[in-house]
Amino acid sequence: RLTATGRAALGEADLAPRVRANMP
């Protein structure tokens, strides 16, 4: 599972909205 650091890194990379929506 992701750590808090992993979740923060994902958010900083601005990937979170696209990942959650599972869109290309």
mmCIF file of all heavy atoms, coordinates in Angstrom:
data_MODEL
# 
_entry.id   MODEL 
# 
loop_
_atom_site.group_PDB 
_atom_site.id 
_atom_site.type_symbol 
_atom_site.label_atom_id 
_atom_site.label_alt_id 
_atom_site.label_comp_id 
_atom_site.label_asym_id 
_atom_site.label_entity_id 
_atom_site.label_seq_id 
_atom_site.pdbx_PDB_ins_code 
_atom_site.Cartn_x 
_atom_site.Cartn_y 
_atom_site.Cartn_z 
_atom_site.occupancy 
_atom_site.B_iso_or_equiv 
_atom_site.pdbx_formal_charge 
_atom_site.auth_seq_id 
_atom_site.auth_comp_id 
_atom_site.auth_asym_id 
_atom_site.auth_atom_id 
_atom_site.pdbx_PDB_model_num 
ATOM 1   N N   . ARG A 1 1  ? 0.856   -1.180 0.000   1.00 0.00 ? 1  ARG A N   1 
ATOM 2   C CA  . ARG A 1 1  ? 0.000   0.000  0.000   1.00 0.00 ? 1  ARG A CA  1 
ATOM 3   C C   . ARG A 1 1  ? 0.894   1.233  0.000   1.00 0.00 ? 1  ARG A C   1 
ATOM 4   O O   . ARG A 1 1  ? 2.063   1.174  0.401   1.00 0.00 ? 1  ARG A O   1 
ATOM 5   C CB  . ARG A 1 1  ? -0.971  0.019  1.168   1.00 0.00 ? 1  ARG A CB  1 
ATOM 6   C CG  . ARG A 1 1  ? -0.350  0.249  2.519   1.00 0.00 ? 1  ARG A CG  1 
ATOM 7   C CD  . ARG A 1 1  ? -1.428  0.318  3.574   1.00 0.00 ? 1  ARG A CD  1 
ATOM 8   N NE  . ARG A 1 1  ? -0.829  0.466  4.889   1.00 0.00 ? 1  ARG A NE  1 
ATOM 9   C CZ  . ARG A 1 1  ? -1.504  0.436  6.009   1.00 0.00 ? 1  ARG A CZ  1 
ATOM 10  N NH1 . ARG A 1 1  ? -2.808  0.253  5.994   1.00 0.00 ? 1  ARG A NH1 1 
ATOM 11  N NH2 . ARG A 1 1  ? -0.897  0.579  7.163   1.00 0.00 ? 1  ARG A NH2 1 
ATOM 12  N N   . LEU A 1 2  ? 0.335   2.355  -0.449  1.00 0.00 ? 2  LEU A N   1 
ATOM 13  C CA  . LEU A 1 2  ? 1.093   3.598  -0.484  1.00 0.00 ? 2  LEU A CA  1 
ATOM 14  C C   . LEU A 1 2  ? 1.328   4.115  0.923   1.00 0.00 ? 2  LEU A C   1 
ATOM 15  O O   . LEU A 1 2  ? 0.470   3.984  1.797   1.00 0.00 ? 2  LEU A O   1 
ATOM 16  C CB  . LEU A 1 2  ? 0.324   4.669  -1.264  1.00 0.00 ? 2  LEU A CB  1 
ATOM 17  C CG  . LEU A 1 2  ? 0.291   4.562  -2.768  1.00 0.00 ? 2  LEU A CG  1 
ATOM 18  C CD1 . LEU A 1 2  ? -0.589  5.666  -3.346  1.00 0.00 ? 2  LEU A CD1 1 
ATOM 19  C CD2 . LEU A 1 2  ? 1.680   4.641  -3.356  1.00 0.00 ? 2  LEU A CD2 1 
ATOM 20  N N   . THR A 1 3  ? 2.469   4.712  1.135   1.00 0.00 ? 3  THR A N   1 
ATOM 21  C CA  . THR A 1 3  ? 2.739   5.427  2.382   1.00 0.00 ? 3  THR A CA  1 
ATOM 22  C C   . THR A 1 3  ? 2.219   6.851  2.226   1.00 0.00 ? 3  THR A C   1 
ATOM 23  O O   . THR A 1 3  ? 1.835   7.274  1.133   1.00 0.00 ? 3  THR A O   1 
ATOM 24  C CB  . THR A 1 3  ? 4.252   5.481  2.666   1.00 0.00 ? 3  THR A CB  1 
ATOM 25  O OG1 . THR A 1 3  ? 4.878   6.214  1.607   1.00 0.00 ? 3  THR A OG1 1 
ATOM 26  C CG2 . THR A 1 3  ? 4.861   4.093  2.791   1.00 0.00 ? 3  THR A CG2 1 
ATOM 27  N N   . ALA A 1 4  ? 2.237   7.614  3.295   1.00 0.00 ? 4  ALA A N   1 
ATOM 28  C CA  . ALA A 1 4  ? 1.871   9.031  3.213   1.00 0.00 ? 4  ALA A CA  1 
ATOM 29  C C   . ALA A 1 4  ? 2.810   9.749  2.250   1.00 0.00 ? 4  ALA A C   1 
ATOM 30  O O   . ALA A 1 4  ? 2.378   10.608 1.465   1.00 0.00 ? 4  ALA A O   1 
ATOM 31  C CB  . ALA A 1 4  ? 1.924   9.663  4.602   1.00 0.00 ? 4  ALA A CB  1 
ATOM 32  N N   . THR A 1 5  ? 4.079   9.385  2.272   1.00 0.00 ? 5  THR A N   1 
ATOM 33  C CA  . THR A 1 5  ? 5.054   9.973  1.349   1.00 0.00 ? 5  THR A CA  1 
ATOM 34  C C   . THR A 1 5  ? 4.698   9.628  -0.090  1.00 0.00 ? 5  THR A C   1 
ATOM 35  O O   . THR A 1 5  ? 4.793   10.474 -0.980  1.00 0.00 ? 5  THR A O   1 
ATOM 36  C CB  . THR A 1 5  ? 6.477   9.473  1.684   1.00 0.00 ? 5  THR A CB  1 
ATOM 37  O OG1 . THR A 1 5  ? 6.763   9.794  3.045   1.00 0.00 ? 5  THR A OG1 1 
ATOM 38  C CG2 . THR A 1 5  ? 7.511   10.086 0.773   1.00 0.00 ? 5  THR A CG2 1 
ATOM 39  N N   . GLY A 1 6  ? 4.274   8.403  -0.337  1.00 0.00 ? 6  GLY A N   1 
ATOM 40  C CA  . GLY A 1 6  ? 3.873   7.982  -1.672  1.00 0.00 ? 6  GLY A CA  1 
ATOM 41  C C   . GLY A 1 6  ? 2.652   8.737  -2.163  1.00 0.00 ? 6  GLY A C   1 
ATOM 42  O O   . GLY A 1 6  ? 2.594   9.163  -3.319  1.00 0.00 ? 6  GLY A O   1 
ATOM 43  N N   . ARG A 1 7  ? 1.671   8.923  -1.272  1.00 0.00 ? 7  ARG A N   1 
ATOM 44  C CA  . ARG A 1 7  ? 0.476   9.686  -1.650  1.00 0.00 ? 7  ARG A CA  1 
ATOM 45  C C   . ARG A 1 7  ? 0.838   11.132 -1.953  1.00 0.00 ? 7  ARG A C   1 
ATOM 46  O O   . ARG A 1 7  ? 0.334   11.718 -2.908  1.00 0.00 ? 7  ARG A O   1 
ATOM 47  C CB  . ARG A 1 7  ? -0.583  9.603  -0.556  1.00 0.00 ? 7  ARG A CB  1 
ATOM 48  C CG  . ARG A 1 7  ? -1.270  8.241  -0.501  1.00 0.00 ? 7  ARG A CG  1 
ATOM 49  C CD  . ARG A 1 7  ? -2.456  8.240  0.435   1.00 0.00 ? 7  ARG A CD  1 
ATOM 50  N NE  . ARG A 1 7  ? -2.103  8.511  1.819   1.00 0.00 ? 7  ARG A NE  1 
ATOM 51  C CZ  . ARG A 1 7  ? -1.654  7.605  2.682   1.00 0.00 ? 7  ARG A CZ  1 
ATOM 52  N NH1 . ARG A 1 7  ? -1.522  6.355  2.295   1.00 0.00 ? 7  ARG A NH1 1 
ATOM 53  N NH2 . ARG A 1 7  ? -1.359  7.939  3.914   1.00 0.00 ? 7  ARG A NH2 1 
ATOM 54  N N   . ALA A 1 8  ? 1.737   11.708 -1.149  1.00 0.00 ? 8  ALA A N   1 
ATOM 55  C CA  . ALA A 1 8  ? 2.173   13.086 -1.387  1.00 0.00 ? 8  ALA A CA  1 
ATOM 56  C C   . ALA A 1 8  ? 2.922   13.201 -2.712  1.00 0.00 ? 8  ALA A C   1 
ATOM 57  O O   . ALA A 1 8  ? 2.712   14.144 -3.471  1.00 0.00 ? 8  ALA A O   1 
ATOM 58  C CB  . ALA A 1 8  ? 3.055   13.566 -0.232  1.00 0.00 ? 8  ALA A CB  1 
ATOM 59  N N   . ALA A 1 9  ? 3.793   12.229 -3.003  1.00 0.00 ? 9  ALA A N   1 
ATOM 60  C CA  . ALA A 1 9  ? 4.542   12.253 -4.258  1.00 0.00 ? 9  ALA A CA  1 
ATOM 61  C C   . ALA A 1 9  ? 3.598   12.149 -5.449  1.00 0.00 ? 9  ALA A C   1 
ATOM 62  O O   . ALA A 1 9  ? 3.790   12.819 -6.464  1.00 0.00 ? 9  ALA A O   1 
ATOM 63  C CB  . ALA A 1 9  ? 5.565   11.125 -4.291  1.00 0.00 ? 9  ALA A CB  1 
ATOM 64  N N   . LEU A 1 10 ? 2.584   11.340 -5.329  1.00 0.00 ? 10 LEU A N   1 
ATOM 65  C CA  . LEU A 1 10 ? 1.607   11.189 -6.398  1.00 0.00 ? 10 LEU A CA  1 
ATOM 66  C C   . LEU A 1 10 ? 0.869   12.506 -6.619  1.00 0.00 ? 10 LEU A C   1 
ATOM 67  O O   . LEU A 1 10 ? 0.675   12.934 -7.754  1.00 0.00 ? 10 LEU A O   1 
ATOM 68  C CB  . LEU A 1 10 ? 0.623   10.071 -6.052  1.00 0.00 ? 10 LEU A CB  1 
ATOM 69  C CG  . LEU A 1 10 ? -0.336  9.637  -7.128  1.00 0.00 ? 10 LEU A CG  1 
ATOM 70  C CD1 . LEU A 1 10 ? 0.417   9.087  -8.326  1.00 0.00 ? 10 LEU A CD1 1 
ATOM 71  C CD2 . LEU A 1 10 ? -1.268  8.585  -6.582  1.00 0.00 ? 10 LEU A CD2 1 
ATOM 72  N N   . GLY A 1 11 ? 0.503   13.161 -5.529  1.00 0.00 ? 11 GLY A N   1 
ATOM 73  C CA  . GLY A 1 11 ? -0.176  14.452 -5.631  1.00 0.00 ? 11 GLY A CA  1 
ATOM 74  C C   . GLY A 1 11 ? 0.726   15.532 -6.204  1.00 0.00 ? 11 GLY A C   1 
ATOM 75  O O   . GLY A 1 11 ? 0.300   16.340 -7.026  1.00 0.00 ? 11 GLY A O   1 
ATOM 76  N N   . GLU A 1 12 ? 1.994   15.544 -5.793  1.00 0.00 ? 12 GLU A N   1 
ATOM 77  C CA  . GLU A 1 12 ? 2.939   16.534 -6.296  1.00 0.00 ? 12 GLU A CA  1 
ATOM 78  C C   . GLU A 1 12 ? 3.192   16.353 -7.784  1.00 0.00 ? 12 GLU A C   1 
ATOM 79  O O   . GLU A 1 12 ? 3.458   17.318 -8.496  1.00 0.00 ? 12 GLU A O   1 
ATOM 80  C CB  . GLU A 1 12 ? 4.263   16.449 -5.538  1.00 0.00 ? 12 GLU A CB  1 
ATOM 81  C CG  . GLU A 1 12 ? 4.174   16.956 -4.125  1.00 0.00 ? 12 GLU A CG  1 
ATOM 82  C CD  . GLU A 1 12 ? 5.431   16.674 -3.326  1.00 0.00 ? 12 GLU A CD  1 
ATOM 83  O OE1 . GLU A 1 12 ? 6.448   16.273 -3.925  1.00 0.00 ? 12 GLU A OE1 1 
ATOM 84  O OE2 . GLU A 1 12 ? 5.388   16.864 -2.108  1.00 0.00 ? 12 GLU A OE2 1 
ATOM 85  N N   . ALA A 1 13 ? 3.111   15.131 -8.262  1.00 0.00 ? 13 ALA A N   1 
ATOM 86  C CA  . ALA A 1 13 ? 3.332   14.876 -9.683  1.00 0.00 ? 13 ALA A CA  1 
ATOM 87  C C   . ALA A 1 13 ? 2.095   15.243 -10.496 1.00 0.00 ? 13 ALA A C   1 
ATOM 88  O O   . ALA A 1 13 ? 2.087   15.107 -11.710 1.00 0.00 ? 13 ALA A O   1 
ATOM 89  C CB  . ALA A 1 13 ? 3.695   13.412 -9.892  1.00 0.00 ? 13 ALA A CB  1 
ATOM 90  N N   . ASP A 1 14 ? 1.052   15.710 -9.807  1.00 0.00 ? 14 ASP A N   1 
ATOM 91  C CA  . ASP A 1 14 ? -0.194  16.101 -10.448 1.00 0.00 ? 14 ASP A CA  1 
ATOM 92  C C   . ASP A 1 14 ? -0.807  14.947 -11.238 1.00 0.00 ? 14 ASP A C   1 
ATOM 93  O O   . ASP A 1 14 ? -1.421  15.143 -12.273 1.00 0.00 ? 14 ASP A O   1 
ATOM 94  C CB  . ASP A 1 14 ? -0.003  17.329 -11.331 1.00 0.00 ? 14 ASP A CB  1 
ATOM 95  C CG  . ASP A 1 14 ? -1.335  18.009 -11.645 1.00 0.00 ? 14 ASP A CG  1 
ATOM 96  O OD1 . ASP A 1 14 ? -2.284  17.846 -10.860 1.00 0.00 ? 14 ASP A OD1 1 
ATOM 97  O OD2 . ASP A 1 14 ? -1.423  18.683 -12.680 1.00 0.00 ? 14 ASP A OD2 1 
ATOM 98  N N   . LEU A 1 15 ? -0.584  13.729 -10.753 1.00 0.00 ? 15 LEU A N   1 
ATOM 99  C CA  . LEU A 1 15 ? -1.151  12.556 -11.397 1.00 0.00 ? 15 LEU A CA  1 
ATOM 100 C C   . LEU A 1 15 ? -2.433  12.103 -10.723 1.00 0.00 ? 15 LEU A C   1 
ATOM 101 O O   . LEU A 1 15 ? -3.204  11.364 -11.313 1.00 0.00 ? 15 LEU A O   1 
ATOM 102 C CB  . LEU A 1 15 ? -0.155  11.392 -11.362 1.00 0.00 ? 15 LEU A CB  1 
ATOM 103 C CG  . LEU A 1 15 ? 1.143   11.592 -12.108 1.00 0.00 ? 15 LEU A CG  1 
ATOM 104 C CD1 . LEU A 1 15 ? 2.080   10.419 -11.829 1.00 0.00 ? 15 LEU A CD1 1 
ATOM 105 C CD2 . LEU A 1 15 ? 0.892   11.721 -13.579 1.00 0.00 ? 15 LEU A CD2 1 
ATOM 106 N N   . ALA A 1 16 ? -2.651  12.542 -9.500  1.00 0.00 ? 16 ALA A N   1 
ATOM 107 C CA  . ALA A 1 16 ? -3.768  12.021 -8.724  1.00 0.00 ? 16 ALA A CA  1 
ATOM 108 C C   . ALA A 1 16 ? -5.118  12.154 -9.419  1.00 0.00 ? 16 ALA A C   1 
ATOM 109 O O   . ALA A 1 16 ? -5.868  11.176 -9.479  1.00 0.00 ? 16 ALA A O   1 
ATOM 110 C CB  . ALA A 1 16 ? -3.797  12.674 -7.342  1.00 0.00 ? 16 ALA A CB  1 
ATOM 111 N N   . PRO A 1 17 ? -5.495  13.314 -9.984  1.00 0.00 ? 17 PRO A N   1 
ATOM 112 C CA  . PRO A 1 17 ? -6.812  13.383 -10.619 1.00 0.00 ? 17 PRO A CA  1 
ATOM 113 C C   . PRO A 1 17 ? -6.945  12.421 -11.798 1.00 0.00 ? 17 PRO A C   1 
ATOM 114 O O   . PRO A 1 17 ? -7.964  11.756 -11.952 1.00 0.00 ? 17 PRO A O   1 
ATOM 115 C CB  . PRO A 1 17 ? -6.902  14.837 -11.095 1.00 0.00 ? 17 PRO A CB  1 
ATOM 116 C CG  . PRO A 1 17 ? -5.939  15.578 -10.243 1.00 0.00 ? 17 PRO A CG  1 
ATOM 117 C CD  . PRO A 1 17 ? -4.826  14.601 -9.946  1.00 0.00 ? 17 PRO A CD  1 
ATOM 118 N N   . ARG A 1 18 ? -5.905  12.302 -12.615 1.00 0.00 ? 18 ARG A N   1 
ATOM 119 C CA  . ARG A 1 18 ? -5.955  11.418 -13.779 1.00 0.00 ? 18 ARG A CA  1 
ATOM 120 C C   . ARG A 1 18 ? -5.982  9.962  -13.334 1.00 0.00 ? 18 ARG A C   1 
ATOM 121 O O   . ARG A 1 18 ? -6.693  9.147  -13.905 1.00 0.00 ? 18 ARG A O   1 
ATOM 122 C CB  . ARG A 1 18 ? -4.758  11.690 -14.683 1.00 0.00 ? 18 ARG A CB  1 
ATOM 123 C CG  . ARG A 1 18 ? -4.879  11.052 -16.028 1.00 0.00 ? 18 ARG A CG  1 
ATOM 124 C CD  . ARG A 1 18 ? -3.719  11.411 -16.887 1.00 0.00 ? 18 ARG A CD  1 
ATOM 125 N NE  . ARG A 1 18 ? -2.532  11.320 -16.052 1.00 0.00 ? 18 ARG A NE  1 
ATOM 126 C CZ  . ARG A 1 18 ? -1.353  11.768 -16.374 1.00 0.00 ? 18 ARG A CZ  1 
ATOM 127 N NH1 . ARG A 1 18 ? -1.146  12.333 -17.489 1.00 0.00 ? 18 ARG A NH1 1 
ATOM 128 N NH2 . ARG A 1 18 ? -0.332  11.652 -15.570 1.00 0.00 ? 18 ARG A NH2 1 
ATOM 129 N N   . VAL A 1 19 ? -5.214  9.632  -12.294 1.00 0.00 ? 19 VAL A N   1 
ATOM 130 C CA  . VAL A 1 19 ? -5.179  8.259  -11.794 1.00 0.00 ? 19 VAL A CA  1 
ATOM 131 C C   . VAL A 1 19 ? -6.529  7.875  -11.224 1.00 0.00 ? 19 VAL A C   1 
ATOM 132 O O   . VAL A 1 19 ? -7.055  6.804  -11.510 1.00 0.00 ? 19 VAL A O   1 
ATOM 133 C CB  . VAL A 1 19 ? -4.066  8.099  -10.732 1.00 0.00 ? 19 VAL A CB  1 
ATOM 134 C CG1 . VAL A 1 19 ? -4.246  6.834  -9.949  1.00 0.00 ? 19 VAL A CG1 1 
ATOM 135 C CG2 . VAL A 1 19 ? -2.713  8.150  -11.404 1.00 0.00 ? 19 VAL A CG2 1 
ATOM 136 N N   . ARG A 1 20 ? -7.105  8.746  -10.420 1.00 0.00 ? 20 ARG A N   1 
ATOM 137 C CA  . ARG A 1 20 ? -8.403  8.436  -9.817  1.00 0.00 ? 20 ARG A CA  1 
ATOM 138 C C   . ARG A 1 20 ? -9.476  8.257  -10.884 1.00 0.00 ? 20 ARG A C   1 
ATOM 139 O O   . ARG A 1 20 ? -10.361 7.437  -10.765 1.00 0.00 ? 20 ARG A O   1 
ATOM 140 C CB  . ARG A 1 20 ? -8.801  9.536  -8.833  1.00 0.00 ? 20 ARG A CB  1 
ATOM 141 C CG  . ARG A 1 20 ? -7.995  9.465  -7.563  1.00 0.00 ? 20 ARG A CG  1 
ATOM 142 C CD  . ARG A 1 20 ? -8.537  10.394 -6.501  1.00 0.00 ? 20 ARG A CD  1 
ATOM 143 N NE  . ARG A 1 20 ? -7.535  10.557 -5.492  1.00 0.00 ? 20 ARG A NE  1 
ATOM 144 C CZ  . ARG A 1 20 ? -6.781  11.637 -5.318  1.00 0.00 ? 20 ARG A CZ  1 
ATOM 145 N NH1 . ARG A 1 20 ? -6.963  12.691 -6.074  1.00 0.00 ? 20 ARG A NH1 1 
ATOM 146 N NH2 . ARG A 1 20 ? -5.874  11.694 -4.374  1.00 0.00 ? 20 ARG A NH2 1 
ATOM 147 N N   . ALA A 1 21 ? -9.398  9.040  -11.927 1.00 0.00 ? 21 ALA A N   1 
ATOM 148 C CA  . ALA A 1 21 ? -10.382 8.933  -12.996 1.00 0.00 ? 21 ALA A CA  1 
ATOM 149 C C   . ALA A 1 21 ? -10.045 7.792  -13.945 1.00 0.00 ? 21 ALA A C   1 
ATOM 150 O O   . ALA A 1 21 ? -10.850 7.435  -14.793 1.00 0.00 ? 21 ALA A O   1 
ATOM 151 C CB  . ALA A 1 21 ? -10.448 10.242 -13.769 1.00 0.00 ? 21 ALA A CB  1 
ATOM 152 N N   . ASN A 1 22 ? -8.828  7.251  -13.814 1.00 0.00 ? 22 ASN A N   1 
ATOM 153 C CA  . ASN A 1 22 ? -8.361  6.155  -14.670 1.00 0.00 ? 22 ASN A CA  1 
ATOM 154 C C   . ASN A 1 22 ? -8.459  6.532  -16.147 1.00 0.00 ? 22 ASN A C   1 
ATOM 155 O O   . ASN A 1 22 ? -8.905  5.757  -16.974 1.00 0.00 ? 22 ASN A O   1 
ATOM 156 C CB  . ASN A 1 22 ? -9.131  4.868  -14.383 1.00 0.00 ? 22 ASN A CB  1 
ATOM 157 C CG  . ASN A 1 22 ? -8.408  3.655  -14.914 1.00 0.00 ? 22 ASN A CG  1 
ATOM 158 O OD1 . ASN A 1 22 ? -7.204  3.688  -15.153 1.00 0.00 ? 22 ASN A OD1 1 
ATOM 159 N ND2 . ASN A 1 22 ? -9.135  2.582  -15.109 1.00 0.00 ? 22 ASN A ND2 1 
ATOM 160 N N   . MET A 1 23 ? -8.025  7.759  -16.425 1.00 0.00 ? 23 MET A N   1 
ATOM 161 C CA  . MET A 1 23 ? -8.072  8.261  -17.789 1.00 0.00 ? 23 MET A CA  1 
ATOM 162 C C   . MET A 1 23 ? -6.669  8.392  -18.344 1.00 0.00 ? 23 MET A C   1 
ATOM 163 O O   . MET A 1 23 ? -5.739  8.730  -17.624 1.00 0.00 ? 23 MET A O   1 
ATOM 164 C CB  . MET A 1 23 ? -8.752  9.635  -17.823 1.00 0.00 ? 23 MET A CB  1 
ATOM 165 C CG  . MET A 1 23 ? -10.206 9.604  -17.411 1.00 0.00 ? 23 MET A CG  1 
ATOM 166 S SD  . MET A 1 23 ? -10.918 11.247 -17.297 1.00 0.00 ? 23 MET A SD  1 
ATOM 167 C CE  . MET A 1 23 ? -10.655 11.861 -18.941 1.00 0.00 ? 23 MET A CE  1 
ATOM 168 N N   . PRO A 1 24 ? -6.519  8.192  -19.648 1.00 0.00 ? 24 PRO A N   1 
ATOM 169 C CA  . PRO A 1 24 ? -5.200  8.391  -20.261 1.00 0.00 ? 24 PRO A CA  1 
ATOM 170 C C   . PRO A 1 24 ? -4.848  9.862  -20.307 1.00 0.00 ? 24 PRO A C   1 
ATOM 171 O O   . PRO A 1 24 ? -5.713  10.726 -20.260 1.00 0.00 ? 24 PRO A O   1 
ATOM 172 C CB  . PRO A 1 24 ? -5.376  7.830  -21.670 1.00 0.00 ? 24 PRO A CB  1 
ATOM 173 C CG  . PRO A 1 24 ? -6.834  7.922  -21.932 1.00 0.00 ? 24 PRO A CG  1 
ATOM 174 C CD  . PRO A 1 24 ? -7.515  7.768  -20.593 1.00 0.00 ? 24 PRO A CD  1 
# 
